[in-house]
Amino acid sequence: MIATQDMDLSAPSAVHCVHVNHDANIHDANTIHSPQKKVGHRRFGRKQGGFTLVELMVVVAIIGVLAGVFFSKVGSGASTTSKAKTLNAVATSVLEVWSLVVQTTGVSSLIASNPVLASSSNSVLDLIVYGNNQISLVASQYTNSYLQSGVKALQSVQVITAPTVGTQGSYSVLGYVISICNGSCSSPVSGVLTVNFASVPVDIVNAVYTSQTGATFNPASAVTSGAVQYTAASNGVMNLTFYFTI
């Protein structure tokens, strides 16, 4: 009984302590929880420097414009280099085909009125472009030897006007008219082949000239000697010539 009485006497005090501690816990929890709400509010609030949807859209638009400008310049540079390589490749192919025809048929390397042609009104370029697809352009006495050369049509050359026997065709590469001569068309030189491209943009001629010669390019002055030659620029274009020996 005495122990029970002592326990009963202390019970109110214990209950009171529990009550006080419980209130304190509630108070502490509120104290901790309330700042969390405020932190959350500050995290997504405008005061922390976050972007609005409109601002984000403006930033994305600016990035898009800058990226477009950058990639257009990169693409332009790649296009110029690619075109320069194409012109060089076609010129080299013309040389290789004509050299092969000369070797297998035994004719002269002179372009004008070459006996391999069925008609002197045609051009050797007609044979080079069409390969074995236009045998009618070849003189009958050279037909067999011409076929033995195994020459094929040049795929990179576009036909502007198709040739017929007695009428030469016209051709272009990347839109630039192509023609061939023996050095100078007015004063041909045996053993020399020149492949000419008309009205080529300055930047493409620059790419061809510097890559092939390593020399300084000056569009204001014509270059009339060497493996790559060109006329002075006029209205942003110039005539480009590849000079080969056969």
Protein backbone atom coordinates (compact mmCIF):
# COMPACT_ATOMS: atom_id res chain seq x y z
CA MET A 1 0.00 0.00 0.00
CA ILE A 2 2.78 2.36 0.90
CA ALA A 3 4.43 1.67 -2.47
CA THR A 4 1.15 2.10 -4.20
CA GLN A 5 0.55 5.37 -2.45
CA ASP A 6 3.97 6.67 -3.40
CA MET A 7 3.29 5.74 -7.02
CA ASP A 8 -0.09 7.47 -6.93
CA LEU A 9 1.40 10.59 -5.46
CA SER A 10 3.93 10.83 -8.25
CA ALA A 11 1.46 10.06 -11.04
CA PRO A 12 0.11 13.55 -11.53
CA SER A 13 3.62 14.88 -11.79
CA ALA A 14 4.50 12.21 -14.38
CA VAL A 15 1.39 12.93 -16.39
CA HIS A 16 2.16 16.58 -16.27
CA CYS A 17 5.69 15.94 -17.51
CA VAL A 18 4.38 13.85 -20.36
CA HIS A 19 1.94 16.55 -21.26
CA VAL A 20 4.64 19.17 -21.26
CA ASN A 21 6.97 17.03 -23.35
CA HIS A 22 4.21 16.25 -25.82
CA ASP A 23 3.48 19.91 -26.31
CA ALA A 24 7.16 20.55 -26.72
CA ASN A 25 7.39 17.82 -29.37
CA ILE A 26 4.50 19.31 -31.23
CA HIS A 27 6.09 22.72 -30.94
CA ASP A 28 9.42 21.37 -32.16
CA ALA A 29 7.82 19.57 -35.06
CA ASN A 30 6.02 22.72 -36.11
CA THR A 31 9.20 24.67 -35.71
CA ILE A 32 11.09 22.24 -37.98
CA HIS A 33 8.29 21.77 -40.49
CA SER A 34 7.51 25.41 -40.99
CA PRO A 35 10.97 26.38 -42.33
CA GLN A 36 10.80 23.43 -44.74
CA LYS A 37 7.70 24.89 -46.28
CA LYS A 38 9.44 28.22 -46.56
CA VAL A 39 12.50 26.63 -48.12
CA GLY A 40 10.27 24.86 -50.62
CA HIS A 41 8.58 28.11 -51.42
CA ARG A 42 11.91 29.85 -51.97
CA ARG A 43 13.17 27.00 -54.18
CA PHE A 44 10.43 27.42 -56.74
CA GLY A 45 9.74 31.07 -56.20
CA ARG A 46 10.82 33.90 -58.51
CA LYS A 47 13.03 35.39 -55.79
CA GLN A 48 15.64 32.61 -56.24
CA GLY A 49 16.33 33.69 -59.87
CA GLY A 50 14.44 30.89 -61.68
CA PHE A 51 13.42 31.29 -65.34
CA THR A 52 9.91 31.84 -66.51
CA LEU A 53 8.61 29.85 -69.48
CA VAL A 54 8.90 32.90 -71.74
CA GLU A 55 12.53 33.44 -70.73
CA LEU A 56 13.37 29.80 -71.42
CA MET A 57 11.74 30.02 -74.84
CA VAL A 58 13.80 33.12 -75.67
CA VAL A 59 17.03 31.39 -74.61
CA VAL A 60 16.19 28.31 -76.70
CA ALA A 61 15.40 30.52 -79.71
CA ILE A 62 18.73 32.36 -79.40
CA ILE A 63 20.64 29.09 -79.15
CA GLY A 64 18.81 27.83 -82.22
CA VAL A 65 19.77 30.91 -84.25
CA LEU A 66 23.42 30.71 -83.21
CA ALA A 67 23.55 26.99 -84.00
CA GLY A 68 22.02 27.65 -87.42
CA VAL A 69 24.63 30.29 -88.24
CA PHE A 70 27.46 28.03 -87.07
CA PHE A 71 26.37 24.95 -88.98
CA SER A 72 25.64 26.94 -92.13
CA LYS A 73 29.23 28.20 -92.13
CA VAL A 74 30.58 24.71 -91.47
CA GLY A 75 28.35 23.31 -94.22
CA SER A 76 29.46 26.00 -96.64
CA GLY A 77 33.10 25.24 -95.99
CA ALA A 78 32.51 21.53 -96.47
CA SER A 79 30.59 22.20 -99.68
CA THR A 80 33.43 24.32 -101.11
CA THR A 81 36.00 21.64 -100.35
CA SER A 82 33.77 18.93 -101.80
CA LYS A 83 33.21 20.87 -105.03
CA ALA A 84 36.92 21.56 -105.38
CA LYS A 85 37.64 17.83 -105.02
CA THR A 86 34.97 16.99 -107.60
CA LEU A 87 36.43 19.36 -110.22
CA ASN A 88 39.90 17.97 -109.61
CA ALA A 89 38.62 14.37 -109.85
CA VAL A 90 36.77 15.00 -113.12
CA ALA A 91 39.78 16.74 -114.68
CA THR A 92 41.99 13.80 -113.68
CA SER A 93 39.46 11.31 -115.10
CA VAL A 94 39.37 13.18 -118.42
CA LEU A 95 43.16 12.93 -118.61
CA GLU A 96 43.16 9.23 -117.76
CA VAL A 97 40.46 8.35 -120.31
CA TRP A 98 42.02 10.30 -123.16
CA SER A 99 45.49 8.90 -122.39
CA LEU A 100 44.03 5.38 -122.51
CA VAL A 101 42.28 6.05 -125.83
CA VAL A 102 45.48 7.45 -127.34
CA GLN A 103 47.46 4.41 -126.20
CA THR A 104 44.98 1.76 -127.39
CA THR A 105 44.11 3.37 -130.74
CA GLY A 106 47.50 4.82 -131.55
CA VAL A 107 46.07 8.20 -132.59
CA SER A 108 47.60 11.58 -131.83
CA SER A 109 46.82 13.31 -128.56
CA LEU A 110 45.65 16.41 -130.43
CA ILE A 111 42.01 17.21 -129.70
CA ALA A 112 40.97 19.10 -132.82
CA SER A 113 39.96 16.94 -135.81
CA ASN A 114 41.33 13.78 -134.25
CA PRO A 115 41.02 10.80 -136.63
CA VAL A 116 39.43 8.65 -133.91
CA LEU A 117 36.27 10.71 -134.41
CA ALA A 118 33.72 9.68 -137.01
CA SER A 119 33.19 13.37 -137.77
CA SER A 120 35.65 16.23 -137.38
CA SER A 121 32.72 18.32 -136.19
CA ASN A 122 32.57 16.30 -132.98
CA SER A 123 34.79 16.77 -129.97
CA VAL A 124 37.03 14.29 -128.23
CA LEU A 125 35.14 15.30 -125.09
CA ASP A 126 32.08 13.59 -126.61
CA LEU A 127 33.97 10.29 -126.56
CA ILE A 128 35.41 10.87 -123.11
CA VAL A 129 32.04 11.70 -121.54
CA TYR A 130 30.05 8.91 -123.20
CA GLY A 131 32.72 6.23 -123.14
CA ASN A 132 31.48 3.09 -124.89
CA ASN A 133 27.86 4.31 -124.84
CA GLN A 134 28.22 6.21 -128.16
CA ILE A 135 30.26 4.01 -130.47
CA SER A 136 28.73 5.75 -133.49
CA LEU A 137 30.95 8.73 -132.68
CA VAL A 138 34.09 6.62 -133.23
CA ALA A 139 35.55 6.22 -136.72
CA SER A 140 34.96 2.69 -137.98
CA GLN A 141 38.67 1.84 -138.34
CA TYR A 142 39.17 2.56 -134.62
CA THR A 143 36.01 0.95 -133.25
CA ASN A 144 37.60 -2.32 -132.13
CA SER A 145 40.63 -0.73 -130.50
CA TYR A 146 38.45 1.90 -128.87
CA LEU A 147 36.25 -0.80 -127.34
CA GLN A 148 39.37 -2.60 -126.12
CA SER A 149 40.28 0.47 -124.10
CA GLY A 150 37.28 -0.29 -121.88
CA VAL A 151 36.48 3.36 -121.25
CA LYS A 152 33.23 4.05 -119.41
CA ALA A 153 30.96 7.07 -119.27
CA LEU A 154 31.93 9.77 -116.76
CA GLN A 155 29.17 9.81 -114.17
CA SER A 156 30.10 13.18 -112.64
CA VAL A 157 29.62 15.07 -115.92
CA GLN A 158 26.17 16.43 -116.75
CA VAL A 159 25.05 16.55 -120.37
CA ILE A 160 23.70 19.94 -121.44
CA THR A 161 23.30 19.03 -125.11
CA ALA A 162 23.69 15.46 -126.29
CA PRO A 163 26.03 14.92 -129.24
CA THR A 164 25.18 13.34 -132.58
CA VAL A 165 27.50 12.41 -135.41
CA GLY A 166 28.56 15.76 -136.86
CA THR A 167 27.33 17.83 -133.88
CA GLN A 168 29.33 18.02 -130.68
CA GLY A 169 27.65 18.02 -127.30
CA SER A 170 28.02 20.40 -124.39
CA TYR A 171 28.66 19.44 -120.79
CA SER A 172 29.02 20.76 -117.27
CA VAL A 173 30.25 19.68 -113.86
CA LEU A 174 28.42 21.05 -110.83
CA GLY A 175 26.90 23.60 -113.20
CA TYR A 176 30.27 24.82 -114.56
CA VAL A 177 30.72 24.28 -118.29
CA ILE A 178 33.64 21.98 -119.10
CA SER A 179 35.80 22.00 -122.23
CA ILE A 180 39.17 20.53 -123.25
CA CYS A 181 42.05 21.75 -125.41
CA ASN A 182 45.70 21.04 -126.12
CA GLY A 183 47.18 23.82 -124.04
CA SER A 184 45.59 26.71 -125.89
CA CYS A 185 42.54 25.98 -128.03
CA SER A 186 43.73 28.54 -130.58
CA SER A 187 47.33 27.24 -130.63
CA PRO A 188 47.24 23.53 -129.72
CA VAL A 189 50.34 21.79 -128.43
CA SER A 190 50.81 18.05 -128.83
CA GLY A 191 51.35 16.14 -125.60
CA VAL A 192 49.41 18.67 -123.55
CA LEU A 193 45.82 18.44 -122.30
CA THR A 194 43.98 21.25 -120.58
CA VAL A 195 40.63 20.77 -118.86
CA ASN A 196 38.73 24.02 -118.44
CA PHE A 197 35.81 24.96 -116.20
CA ALA A 198 33.99 28.24 -116.85
CA SER A 199 32.62 30.73 -114.31
CA VAL A 200 33.72 28.95 -111.16
CA PRO A 201 33.21 30.86 -107.87
CA VAL A 202 36.34 32.38 -106.39
CA ASP A 203 36.22 30.34 -103.17
CA ILE A 204 36.18 27.05 -105.09
CA VAL A 205 39.08 28.10 -107.31
CA ASN A 206 40.93 29.14 -104.17
CA ALA A 207 40.35 25.70 -102.63
CA VAL A 208 41.57 23.95 -105.80
CA TYR A 209 44.61 26.15 -106.28
CA THR A 210 45.89 26.13 -102.71
CA SER A 211 45.34 22.39 -102.25
CA GLN A 212 47.08 21.51 -105.52
CA THR A 213 49.96 24.00 -105.48
CA GLY A 214 50.33 25.25 -101.91
CA ALA A 215 50.92 28.71 -103.35
CA THR A 216 49.26 31.97 -102.28
CA PHE A 217 45.97 32.60 -104.06
CA ASN A 218 45.37 36.06 -105.54
CA PRO A 219 42.04 36.32 -107.39
CA ALA A 220 42.91 39.76 -108.75
CA SER A 221 45.75 38.43 -110.90
CA ALA A 222 45.54 35.66 -113.49
CA VAL A 223 47.81 32.63 -113.26
CA THR A 224 48.86 31.40 -116.71
CA SER A 225 51.44 28.74 -115.87
CA GLY A 226 51.64 25.66 -113.72
CA ALA A 227 49.38 22.69 -113.08
CA VAL A 228 46.43 24.87 -112.02
CA GLN A 229 45.69 28.11 -113.82
CA TYR A 230 42.92 30.69 -113.63
CA THR A 231 41.76 34.01 -114.99
CA ALA A 232 41.41 37.14 -112.87
CA ALA A 233 38.15 37.21 -110.93
CA SER A 234 35.20 39.06 -112.40
CA ASN A 235 31.90 39.38 -110.56
CA GLY A 236 32.99 36.72 -108.10
CA VAL A 237 33.79 34.02 -110.68
CA MET A 238 36.78 32.95 -112.75
CA ASN A 239 37.77 30.35 -115.34
CA LEU A 240 39.72 27.42 -113.92
CA THR A 241 42.16 25.31 -115.96
CA PHE A 242 43.93 22.06 -115.13
CA TYR A 243 47.12 21.68 -117.16
CA PHE A 244 48.36 18.12 -117.87
CA THR A 245 51.04 16.52 -119.99
CA ILE A 246 50.22 13.27 -121.76
